[in-house]
Protein backbone atom coordinates (compact mmCIF):
# COMPACT_ATOMS: atom_id res chain seq x y z
CA MET A 1 8.34 -10.93 19.88
CA SER A 2 11.44 -13.62 20.20
CA VAL A 3 14.60 -12.09 19.54
CA ARG A 4 15.00 -15.08 17.51
CA VAL A 5 12.93 -13.60 15.11
CA ARG A 6 14.12 -11.56 11.95
CA ALA A 7 11.03 -9.45 11.37
CA ALA A 8 10.93 -7.34 8.02
CA LEU A 9 10.44 -3.91 8.52
CA LEU A 10 7.95 -2.69 6.41
CA ILE A 11 7.08 1.42 6.61
CA VAL A 12 4.14 3.75 5.38
CA LEU A 13 4.93 7.08 4.59
CA ILE A 14 3.11 10.11 3.01
CA ALA A 15 4.09 10.67 -0.16
CA ALA A 16 4.56 14.26 0.61
CA GLY A 17 6.96 15.75 2.50
CA ALA A 18 9.93 17.06 3.86
CA THR A 19 13.06 15.67 4.84
CA ALA A 20 14.03 15.54 8.33
CA ALA A 21 17.43 15.73 10.40
CA CYS A 22 19.41 13.03 11.63
CA GLY A 23 18.34 11.33 14.84
CA GLY A 24 20.89 11.27 17.99
CA ARG A 25 22.07 8.32 19.03
CA ILE A 26 21.42 6.77 22.62
CA PHE A 27 24.96 6.05 24.18
CA ALA A 28 23.81 3.99 27.25
CA LYS A 29 23.66 1.26 24.52
CA GLN A 30 26.76 -1.01 22.78
CA TYR A 31 25.84 -1.27 19.51
CA GLU A 32 27.94 -4.00 17.83
CA TYR A 33 26.44 -3.58 13.95
CA GLU A 34 24.66 -0.73 12.73
CA GLU A 35 23.54 0.65 9.50
CA ASP A 36 21.57 3.62 8.79
CA LEU A 37 19.64 3.84 5.40
CA TYR A 38 18.99 7.25 4.11
CA LEU A 39 16.34 7.11 1.49
CA ALA A 40 15.27 9.16 -1.16
CA THR A 41 11.93 9.50 -3.09
CA ASP A 42 13.21 8.20 -6.01
CA GLY A 43 14.62 4.59 -4.20
CA SER A 44 18.51 6.28 -3.95
CA ALA A 45 19.87 6.39 -0.81
CA ASP A 46 22.80 6.96 1.09
CA LEU A 47 24.20 3.92 3.68
CA ILE A 48 26.27 4.08 6.57
CA VAL A 49 27.51 1.15 8.29
CA ASN A 50 29.45 1.46 11.53
CA ALA A 51 30.54 -2.33 12.71
CA SER A 52 33.41 -3.80 14.63
CA ILE A 53 36.04 -6.07 12.56
CA PRO A 54 34.65 -9.16 14.45
CA ALA A 55 31.22 -8.21 13.94
CA LEU A 56 32.15 -7.52 9.52
CA VAL A 57 33.49 -11.08 9.86
CA SER A 58 30.99 -13.06 11.70
CA LEU A 59 27.42 -11.50 10.53
CA ARG A 60 28.48 -10.32 6.52
CA GLY A 61 31.08 -13.34 5.94
CA LEU A 62 34.05 -10.69 5.02
CA THR A 63 37.38 -11.92 4.99
CA LEU A 64 39.49 -9.91 7.69
CA ASP A 65 42.10 -10.42 10.17
CA THR A 66 40.16 -10.45 13.35
CA ASP A 67 43.27 -9.97 15.56
CA PRO A 68 43.35 -6.38 17.36
CA ALA A 69 46.72 -6.11 16.90
CA ALA A 70 46.67 -6.46 13.04
CA GLN A 71 46.25 -3.46 10.72
CA VAL A 72 42.98 -2.98 9.39
CA ASP A 73 43.31 -3.82 5.48
CA ARG A 74 40.59 -0.89 4.25
CA ASP A 75 41.11 -1.89 1.18
CA ALA A 76 39.70 -5.08 1.12
CA ILE A 77 37.09 -3.60 3.12
CA ARG A 78 36.10 -1.08 0.17
CA ALA A 79 36.47 -3.99 -2.14
CA ALA A 80 33.48 -5.92 -0.32
CA TYR A 81 31.22 -3.48 -0.43
CA GLU A 82 31.92 -1.86 -4.17
CA SER A 83 28.96 -3.43 -6.76
CA PRO A 84 27.39 -2.12 -9.42
CA ASP A 85 24.71 -0.72 -7.41
CA THR A 86 26.91 1.17 -4.52
CA ASP A 87 29.76 3.42 -4.91
CA VAL A 88 31.75 3.71 -1.23
CA THR A 89 32.63 6.93 -0.48
CA ARG A 90 34.25 6.41 2.79
CA VAL A 91 36.39 3.78 4.79
CA SER A 92 37.22 5.38 8.04
CA ARG A 93 40.73 4.39 9.80
CA PRO A 94 40.01 2.49 12.73
CA TRP A 95 38.84 2.98 16.33
CA ARG A 96 38.78 0.65 19.11
CA ARG A 97 36.02 0.32 21.78
CA ASP A 98 36.74 -3.28 24.53
CA GLY A 99 39.48 -4.39 22.72
CA ARG A 100 37.45 -4.55 19.16
CA ARG A 101 38.48 -2.48 16.35
CA PHE A 102 35.68 -0.66 14.80
CA VAL A 103 35.06 0.83 11.33
CA GLN A 104 32.51 3.05 9.26
CA VAL A 105 31.69 2.39 5.78
CA ARG A 106 29.88 5.25 3.54
CA LEU A 107 27.96 4.24 0.13
CA LYS A 108 25.96 5.75 -2.42
CA VAL A 109 23.15 3.31 -3.36
CA ARG A 110 21.84 3.80 -6.67
CA ASP A 111 18.39 1.74 -6.17
CA VAL A 112 17.63 0.00 -2.85
CA ARG A 113 15.53 -2.64 -4.20
CA SER A 114 18.47 -4.28 -5.75
CA LEU A 115 20.89 -3.61 -2.58
CA HIS A 116 21.28 -7.40 -1.94
CA THR A 117 23.20 -7.85 -4.88
CA ALA A 118 26.22 -6.05 -2.95
CA ALA A 119 27.32 -8.82 -0.95
CA PRO A 120 27.39 -7.58 2.48
CA PHE A 121 24.02 -6.65 2.36
CA ALA A 122 22.35 -10.22 0.64
CA TRP A 123 21.15 -11.07 3.80
CA SER A 124 18.24 -8.38 3.32
CA ARG A 125 15.50 -7.87 0.67
CA TYR A 126 14.07 -4.87 0.14
CA SER A 127 10.92 -3.17 -1.66
CA PHE A 128 9.81 -0.02 -2.07
CA SER A 129 6.81 0.96 -4.06
CA GLU A 130 3.67 2.97 -3.79
CA ASP A 131 0.26 2.19 -2.40
CA ASN A 132 -3.05 4.82 -2.71
CA GLY A 133 -0.90 7.67 -1.99
CA ALA A 134 1.79 6.44 0.01
CA ARG A 135 5.38 5.17 -0.01
CA VAL A 136 5.54 1.60 1.17
CA TYR A 137 9.07 0.44 2.19
CA GLN A 138 9.61 -3.20 3.52
CA GLN A 139 13.18 -5.11 4.46
CA THR A 140 13.34 -8.40 5.50
CA VAL A 141 16.21 -9.88 6.87
CA GLY A 142 17.46 -13.44 7.06
CA ALA A 143 20.44 -15.42 8.83
CA SER A 144 23.87 -14.14 9.57
CA ALA A 145 26.80 -15.67 7.66
CA LEU A 146 28.19 -17.21 10.45
CA ARG A 147 28.25 -21.27 10.41
CA PRO A 148 27.21 -23.25 13.45
CA GLY A 149 30.48 -23.76 15.46
CA THR A 150 33.03 -20.81 13.91
CA LEU A 151 31.81 -18.58 16.61
CA LYS A 152 35.29 -17.23 18.08
CA ASN A 153 36.03 -15.31 21.27
CA TYR A 154 36.19 -11.83 20.98
CA GLY A 155 35.19 -10.30 23.61
CA TRP A 156 31.84 -9.72 23.40
CA LYS A 157 29.64 -10.13 26.65
CA GLY A 158 26.04 -10.61 25.47
CA ASN A 159 24.69 -6.80 25.40
CA GLU A 160 25.99 -5.71 22.31
CA LEU A 161 23.09 -4.75 19.79
CA VAL A 162 22.71 -5.16 15.93
CA ALA A 163 20.77 -1.83 15.17
CA PHE A 164 19.01 -0.89 11.79
CA ARG A 165 17.81 2.66 11.13
CA LEU A 166 15.95 4.09 8.99
CA HIS A 167 15.64 7.73 7.95
CA MET A 168 12.71 8.67 5.68
CA PRO A 169 12.10 10.97 2.93
CA SER A 170 8.89 11.78 4.48
CA ARG A 171 7.04 11.18 7.45
CA ILE A 172 6.53 7.74 9.08
CA ILE A 173 2.52 7.08 9.62
CA SER A 174 2.84 3.49 9.81
CA HIS A 175 5.31 0.77 10.83
CA ASN A 176 6.03 -2.72 12.35
CA ALA A 177 9.26 -2.32 14.52
CA ARG A 178 9.07 -3.34 17.99
CA ASP A 179 11.67 -2.11 21.02
CA ILE A 180 13.90 -4.67 22.28
CA ASP A 181 12.98 -3.53 25.59
CA THR A 182 9.27 -3.60 26.13
CA SER A 183 8.32 -5.36 22.78
CA SER A 184 5.88 -2.35 22.51
CA GLY A 185 5.82 -0.47 19.10
CA SER A 186 8.93 1.07 18.71
CA ALA A 187 8.74 4.98 18.73
CA VAL A 188 9.09 6.90 15.63
CA GLN A 189 12.00 9.85 16.02
CA ARG A 190 11.44 13.31 14.58
CA GLY A 191 8.72 11.82 12.24
CA ASN A 192 10.68 9.97 9.92
CA ILE A 193 13.76 7.83 11.84
CA LEU A 194 12.56 4.53 12.92
CA ALA A 195 15.17 2.12 14.52
CA TRP A 196 15.23 -1.94 14.90
CA GLU A 197 16.88 -3.40 17.32
CA GLN A 198 18.28 -6.83 18.40
CA LEU A 199 20.76 -8.23 21.13
CA LEU A 200 23.66 -9.36 18.86
CA THR A 201 23.65 -13.15 20.42
CA ALA A 202 20.52 -13.41 18.35
CA TRP A 203 22.55 -13.18 15.24
CA THR A 204 25.53 -15.70 16.63
CA ASP A 205 23.78 -19.20 17.56
CA GLY A 206 23.81 -20.44 13.69
CA ARG A 207 20.36 -20.89 13.48
CA SER A 208 18.14 -20.02 10.34
CA ARG A 209 15.68 -17.39 10.32
CA SER A 210 12.20 -16.75 9.86
CA ARG A 211 10.83 -13.67 8.28
CA CYS A 212 7.81 -11.71 8.42
CA GLY A 213 6.03 -9.05 6.91
CA TRP A 214 3.94 -6.02 6.42
CA THR A 215 2.28 -3.90 4.20
CA GLY A 216 -0.46 -1.16 4.65
CA SER A 217 -1.48 2.32 3.44
CA PRO A 218 -2.91 5.05 5.16
CA SER A 219 -6.44 3.82 5.76
CA SER A 220 -6.06 -0.18 6.21
CA THR A 221 -3.44 -2.53 7.24
CA ARG A 222 -2.32 -5.65 6.12
CA ARG A 223 -0.54 -7.90 8.97
CA CYS A 224 1.68 -10.92 8.57
CA GLY A 225 2.76 -13.29 11.88
CA CYS A 226 6.25 -14.78 12.43
CA LEU A 227 6.76 -18.25 13.12
CA PRO A 228 10.54 -19.47 14.21
CA GLY A 229 11.71 -20.94 11.45
CA ARG A 230 9.09 -20.81 8.95
CA LEU A 231 8.05 -18.21 6.44
CA ALA A 232 4.92 -16.03 7.79
CA PRO A 233 1.57 -16.80 7.30
CA PRO A 234 -0.60 -15.29 4.42
CA CYS A 235 -1.94 -11.58 5.46
CA SER A 236 -4.99 -11.34 6.49
CA SER A 237 -6.94 -7.23 6.34
CA SER A 238 -7.97 -5.23 9.48
CA ALA A 239 -9.25 -1.72 9.30
């Protein structure tokens, strides 16, 4: 699948299962923007965002000073992430890597299905439902907030990653996430943790994104394809 395609992440979970522990980070990779979603069975969630200030400005449209020498306005970051569906529990002190400042934002989400109403998450649409005794989660990620011709030089080298990690409340039995290096199915960690990664450069070219979906149940699946610049075609069933 081309890195220019924005794939929806849809995960089928068994209805009964215990919450597993968090997975570890692969230190060899350089992440510029990360979302870690810890989903509960009722649709509420804990969400952790780790990102550089330039990534928050370029990808999510936050109004922040990207000068490495400037003080990070943590109050502005908190205000951007607060919404009727989200409560910000912590905005960390900034740290530096490769000349850029990074922050961590921790949030409580009342209902993941309305998370898109919070401006920094408006690029995604979320659904969470039950199908034949299984829980089905879907996230469709659209274009970044970057306007064509406005990207600045932040010292990015081209190997930086954008990552979405899903920590599910029960065992993942099927998904459509692809490994960034092999394009094969991503490995599920500890039974309930799944990561979807793309190069940062795929989000900063200012082009529109396509979307695709995946729905399923324990006994059958329905798959949708992805076409660049268009919505996915109708799904077809497969045993």
